Amino acid sequence: MAEPRITLLTKPGCHLCDDARSALHEVLAEPEFAAAELAVDEKNILDDAALTAEYAEEIPVVLLDGRVHTIWRVEPERLRTALRASFP
């Protein structure tokens, strides 16, 4: 199984996006995940009309392998559980 693709959908000036970014990076820095060198692909929804239309009122959004994992707030333990499940 491939490493999970992690995408953070954001927009400028979003304080919840800043919180989500910090929570993501804190979890990914933990020894269990740091060795995998997982990356977060951050996308500004304002750069993509389709993303803006779909997620304008829901950001930040964390996508795992293209599927919505969480909206608004990252719960570290829920993220850990999902990441663990994505590894063989």
N, C-alpha and C. Protein backbone atom coordinates (compact mmCIF):
# COMPACT_ATOMS: atom_id res chain seq x y z
N MET A 1 0.85 -1.18 0.00
CA MET A 1 0.00 0.00 0.00
C MET A 1 0.89 1.24 0.00
N ALA A 2 0.54 2.21 -0.78
CA ALA A 2 1.32 3.45 -0.88
C ALA A 2 1.07 4.33 0.34
N GLU A 3 1.99 5.26 0.54
CA GLU A 3 1.81 6.23 1.62
C GLU A 3 0.56 7.06 1.34
N PRO A 4 -0.09 7.51 2.40
CA PRO A 4 -1.29 8.32 2.19
C PRO A 4 -0.93 9.68 1.58
N ARG A 5 -1.79 10.15 0.71
CA ARG A 5 -1.66 11.50 0.17
C ARG A 5 -2.46 12.41 1.11
N ILE A 6 -1.78 13.41 1.64
CA ILE A 6 -2.42 14.33 2.59
C ILE A 6 -2.50 15.69 1.92
N THR A 7 -3.72 16.21 1.85
CA THR A 7 -3.93 17.53 1.24
C THR A 7 -4.65 18.41 2.25
N LEU A 8 -4.16 19.64 2.40
CA LEU A 8 -4.80 20.62 3.27
C LEU A 8 -5.35 21.72 2.38
N LEU A 9 -6.66 21.88 2.39
CA LEU A 9 -7.31 22.95 1.62
C LEU A 9 -7.47 24.15 2.53
N THR A 10 -6.98 25.30 2.07
CA THR A 10 -6.94 26.51 2.89
C THR A 10 -7.34 27.72 2.06
N LYS A 11 -7.31 28.87 2.70
CA LYS A 11 -7.36 30.16 2.00
C LYS A 11 -6.68 31.19 2.89
N PRO A 12 -6.19 32.26 2.30
CA PRO A 12 -5.47 33.27 3.08
C PRO A 12 -6.34 33.88 4.19
N GLY A 13 -5.69 34.18 5.31
CA GLY A 13 -6.36 34.85 6.41
C GLY A 13 -7.24 33.96 7.25
N CYS A 14 -7.13 32.68 7.08
CA CYS A 14 -7.99 31.71 7.79
C CYS A 14 -7.25 31.22 9.04
N HIS A 15 -7.69 31.66 10.22
CA HIS A 15 -7.01 31.25 11.45
C HIS A 15 -7.21 29.76 11.73
N LEU A 16 -8.35 29.20 11.35
CA LEU A 16 -8.54 27.76 11.53
C LEU A 16 -7.59 26.97 10.63
N CYS A 17 -7.25 27.53 9.48
CA CYS A 17 -6.28 26.89 8.59
C CYS A 17 -4.91 26.85 9.25
N ASP A 18 -4.56 27.94 9.91
CA ASP A 18 -3.28 27.98 10.63
C ASP A 18 -3.25 26.91 11.72
N ASP A 19 -4.35 26.76 12.44
CA ASP A 19 -4.44 25.75 13.49
C ASP A 19 -4.34 24.34 12.90
N ALA A 20 -5.04 24.11 11.80
CA ALA A 20 -5.01 22.79 11.16
C ALA A 20 -3.61 22.46 10.65
N ARG A 21 -2.96 23.44 10.04
CA ARG A 21 -1.59 23.25 9.54
C ARG A 21 -0.66 22.85 10.68
N SER A 22 -0.76 23.56 11.79
CA SER A 22 0.08 23.25 12.95
C SER A 22 -0.20 21.86 13.48
N ALA A 23 -1.47 21.49 13.61
CA ALA A 23 -1.82 20.17 14.13
C ALA A 23 -1.32 19.07 13.20
N LEU A 24 -1.47 19.26 11.89
CA LEU A 24 -0.98 18.28 10.92
C LEU A 24 0.52 18.08 11.06
N HIS A 25 1.25 19.18 11.09
CA HIS A 25 2.71 19.09 11.15
C HIS A 25 3.19 18.51 12.48
N GLU A 26 2.48 18.79 13.57
CA GLU A 26 2.85 18.21 14.86
C GLU A 26 2.70 16.69 14.83
N VAL A 27 1.58 16.19 14.29
CA VAL A 27 1.37 14.75 14.21
C VAL A 27 2.41 14.12 13.29
N LEU A 28 2.64 14.73 12.14
CA LEU A 28 3.59 14.16 11.18
C LEU A 28 5.03 14.19 11.69
N ALA A 29 5.31 15.04 12.66
CA ALA A 29 6.66 15.11 13.24
C ALA A 29 6.89 14.05 14.31
N GLU A 30 5.84 13.38 14.74
CA GLU A 30 5.98 12.33 15.74
C GLU A 30 6.80 11.19 15.15
N PRO A 31 7.64 10.54 15.97
CA PRO A 31 8.55 9.51 15.46
C PRO A 31 7.87 8.45 14.60
N GLU A 32 6.70 8.05 14.96
CA GLU A 32 5.97 7.02 14.23
C GLU A 32 5.70 7.41 12.77
N PHE A 33 5.52 8.69 12.53
CA PHE A 33 5.22 9.15 11.17
C PHE A 33 6.39 9.87 10.51
N ALA A 34 7.29 10.42 11.31
CA ALA A 34 8.41 11.18 10.76
C ALA A 34 9.28 10.33 9.86
N ALA A 35 9.46 9.07 10.21
CA ALA A 35 10.31 8.19 9.40
C ALA A 35 9.76 8.01 7.99
N ALA A 36 8.44 8.11 7.85
CA ALA A 36 7.83 7.94 6.52
C ALA A 36 7.96 9.20 5.67
N GLU A 37 8.38 10.31 6.31
CA GLU A 37 8.55 11.58 5.61
C GLU A 37 7.31 11.96 4.81
N LEU A 38 6.16 11.86 5.46
CA LEU A 38 4.90 12.22 4.81
C LEU A 38 4.86 13.72 4.56
N ALA A 39 4.34 14.08 3.43
CA ALA A 39 4.25 15.49 3.06
C ALA A 39 2.79 15.92 3.02
N VAL A 40 2.58 17.19 3.24
CA VAL A 40 1.25 17.78 3.13
C VAL A 40 1.25 18.67 1.89
N ASP A 41 0.33 18.39 0.99
CA ASP A 41 0.14 19.21 -0.19
C ASP A 41 -0.91 20.25 0.16
N GLU A 42 -0.50 21.49 0.29
CA GLU A 42 -1.42 22.55 0.68
C GLU A 42 -1.93 23.26 -0.56
N LYS A 43 -3.26 23.42 -0.63
CA LYS A 43 -3.87 24.09 -1.78
C LYS A 43 -4.75 25.23 -1.30
N ASN A 44 -4.56 26.39 -1.92
CA ASN A 44 -5.40 27.55 -1.67
C ASN A 44 -6.64 27.39 -2.54
N ILE A 45 -7.81 27.29 -1.92
CA ILE A 45 -9.02 27.07 -2.71
C ILE A 45 -9.34 28.23 -3.63
N LEU A 46 -8.82 29.42 -3.33
CA LEU A 46 -9.09 30.57 -4.18
C LEU A 46 -8.39 30.49 -5.53
N ASP A 47 -7.43 29.57 -5.65
CA ASP A 47 -6.72 29.37 -6.91
C ASP A 47 -7.43 28.38 -7.83
N ASP A 48 -8.53 27.81 -7.37
CA ASP A 48 -9.23 26.78 -8.14
C ASP A 48 -10.74 26.99 -7.96
N ALA A 49 -11.41 27.36 -9.03
CA ALA A 49 -12.84 27.67 -8.96
C ALA A 49 -13.66 26.49 -8.46
N ALA A 50 -13.30 25.27 -8.86
CA ALA A 50 -14.05 24.10 -8.42
C ALA A 50 -13.90 23.88 -6.91
N LEU A 51 -12.67 24.04 -6.40
CA LEU A 51 -12.45 23.90 -4.96
C LEU A 51 -13.17 24.99 -4.19
N THR A 52 -13.15 26.21 -4.72
CA THR A 52 -13.85 27.32 -4.07
C THR A 52 -15.34 27.02 -3.99
N ALA A 53 -15.91 26.56 -5.08
CA ALA A 53 -17.34 26.26 -5.10
C ALA A 53 -17.70 25.15 -4.12
N GLU A 54 -16.85 24.15 -4.02
CA GLU A 54 -17.15 23.00 -3.17
C GLU A 54 -16.88 23.25 -1.69
N TYR A 55 -15.82 23.99 -1.38
CA TYR A 55 -15.36 24.07 0.01
C TYR A 55 -15.35 25.48 0.61
N ALA A 56 -15.93 26.45 -0.03
CA ALA A 56 -15.84 27.84 0.42
C ALA A 56 -16.21 28.04 1.88
N GLU A 57 -17.20 27.31 2.37
CA GLU A 57 -17.67 27.49 3.75
C GLU A 57 -17.15 26.42 4.70
N GLU A 58 -16.28 25.55 4.22
CA GLU A 58 -15.87 24.42 5.04
C GLU A 58 -14.39 24.38 5.39
N ILE A 59 -13.61 25.32 4.94
CA ILE A 59 -12.17 25.22 5.16
C ILE A 59 -11.81 25.49 6.62
N PRO A 60 -10.72 24.95 7.06
CA PRO A 60 -9.82 24.06 6.36
C PRO A 60 -10.42 22.67 6.20
N VAL A 61 -9.97 22.00 5.17
CA VAL A 61 -10.37 20.62 4.92
C VAL A 61 -9.09 19.80 4.77
N VAL A 62 -9.06 18.66 5.44
CA VAL A 62 -7.95 17.72 5.27
C VAL A 62 -8.47 16.56 4.44
N LEU A 63 -7.78 16.30 3.35
CA LEU A 63 -8.10 15.16 2.49
C LEU A 63 -7.04 14.09 2.69
N LEU A 64 -7.45 12.86 2.86
CA LEU A 64 -6.53 11.73 2.88
C LEU A 64 -6.86 10.90 1.65
N ASP A 65 -5.89 10.78 0.77
CA ASP A 65 -6.08 10.05 -0.48
C ASP A 65 -7.29 10.57 -1.25
N GLY A 66 -7.47 11.89 -1.24
CA GLY A 66 -8.52 12.52 -2.01
C GLY A 66 -9.90 12.50 -1.39
N ARG A 67 -10.01 11.91 -0.20
CA ARG A 67 -11.30 11.85 0.49
C ARG A 67 -11.27 12.74 1.72
N VAL A 68 -12.40 13.37 2.01
CA VAL A 68 -12.47 14.26 3.16
C VAL A 68 -12.24 13.45 4.45
N HIS A 69 -11.22 13.87 5.19
CA HIS A 69 -10.94 13.28 6.49
C HIS A 69 -11.56 14.15 7.59
N THR A 70 -11.37 15.44 7.48
CA THR A 70 -11.90 16.35 8.50
C THR A 70 -12.15 17.73 7.91
N ILE A 71 -13.07 18.42 8.53
CA ILE A 71 -13.42 19.79 8.17
C ILE A 71 -13.29 20.64 9.43
N TRP A 72 -12.73 21.80 9.28
CA TRP A 72 -12.58 22.84 10.31
C TRP A 72 -11.50 22.58 11.34
N ARG A 73 -11.52 21.48 12.03
CA ARG A 73 -10.53 21.24 13.09
C ARG A 73 -9.91 19.85 12.95
N VAL A 74 -8.59 19.81 13.10
CA VAL A 74 -7.88 18.53 13.06
C VAL A 74 -7.83 17.97 14.46
N GLU A 75 -8.36 16.77 14.62
CA GLU A 75 -8.28 16.06 15.89
C GLU A 75 -7.07 15.13 15.79
N PRO A 76 -6.00 15.43 16.53
CA PRO A 76 -4.77 14.65 16.39
C PRO A 76 -4.94 13.14 16.51
N GLU A 77 -5.70 12.67 17.48
CA GLU A 77 -5.82 11.21 17.65
C GLU A 77 -6.57 10.58 16.48
N ARG A 78 -7.58 11.26 15.97
CA ARG A 78 -8.31 10.75 14.81
C ARG A 78 -7.39 10.69 13.59
N LEU A 79 -6.55 11.70 13.43
CA LEU A 79 -5.59 11.72 12.33
C LEU A 79 -4.59 10.59 12.48
N ARG A 80 -4.06 10.39 13.69
CA ARG A 80 -3.11 9.28 13.93
C ARG A 80 -3.74 7.94 13.54
N THR A 81 -4.96 7.73 13.97
CA THR A 81 -5.66 6.48 13.68
C THR A 81 -5.80 6.27 12.17
N ALA A 82 -6.19 7.31 11.47
CA ALA A 82 -6.35 7.20 10.02
C ALA A 82 -5.02 6.95 9.33
N LEU A 83 -3.96 7.61 9.78
CA LEU A 83 -2.65 7.40 9.18
C LEU A 83 -2.14 5.98 9.45
N ARG A 84 -2.32 5.50 10.66
CA ARG A 84 -1.91 4.13 10.99
C ARG A 84 -2.62 3.12 10.10
N ALA A 85 -3.89 3.36 9.87
CA ALA A 85 -4.69 2.43 9.05
C ALA A 85 -4.25 2.45 7.58
N SER A 86 -3.57 3.49 7.16
CA SER A 86 -3.17 3.61 5.76
C SER A 86 -1.84 2.94 5.46
N PHE A 87 -1.14 2.50 6.51
CA PHE A 87 0.13 1.79 6.33
C PHE A 87 -0.09 0.30 6.48
N PRO A 88 0.69 -0.50 5.72
CA PRO A 88 0.54 -1.97 5.84
C PRO A 88 0.98 -2.49 7.19
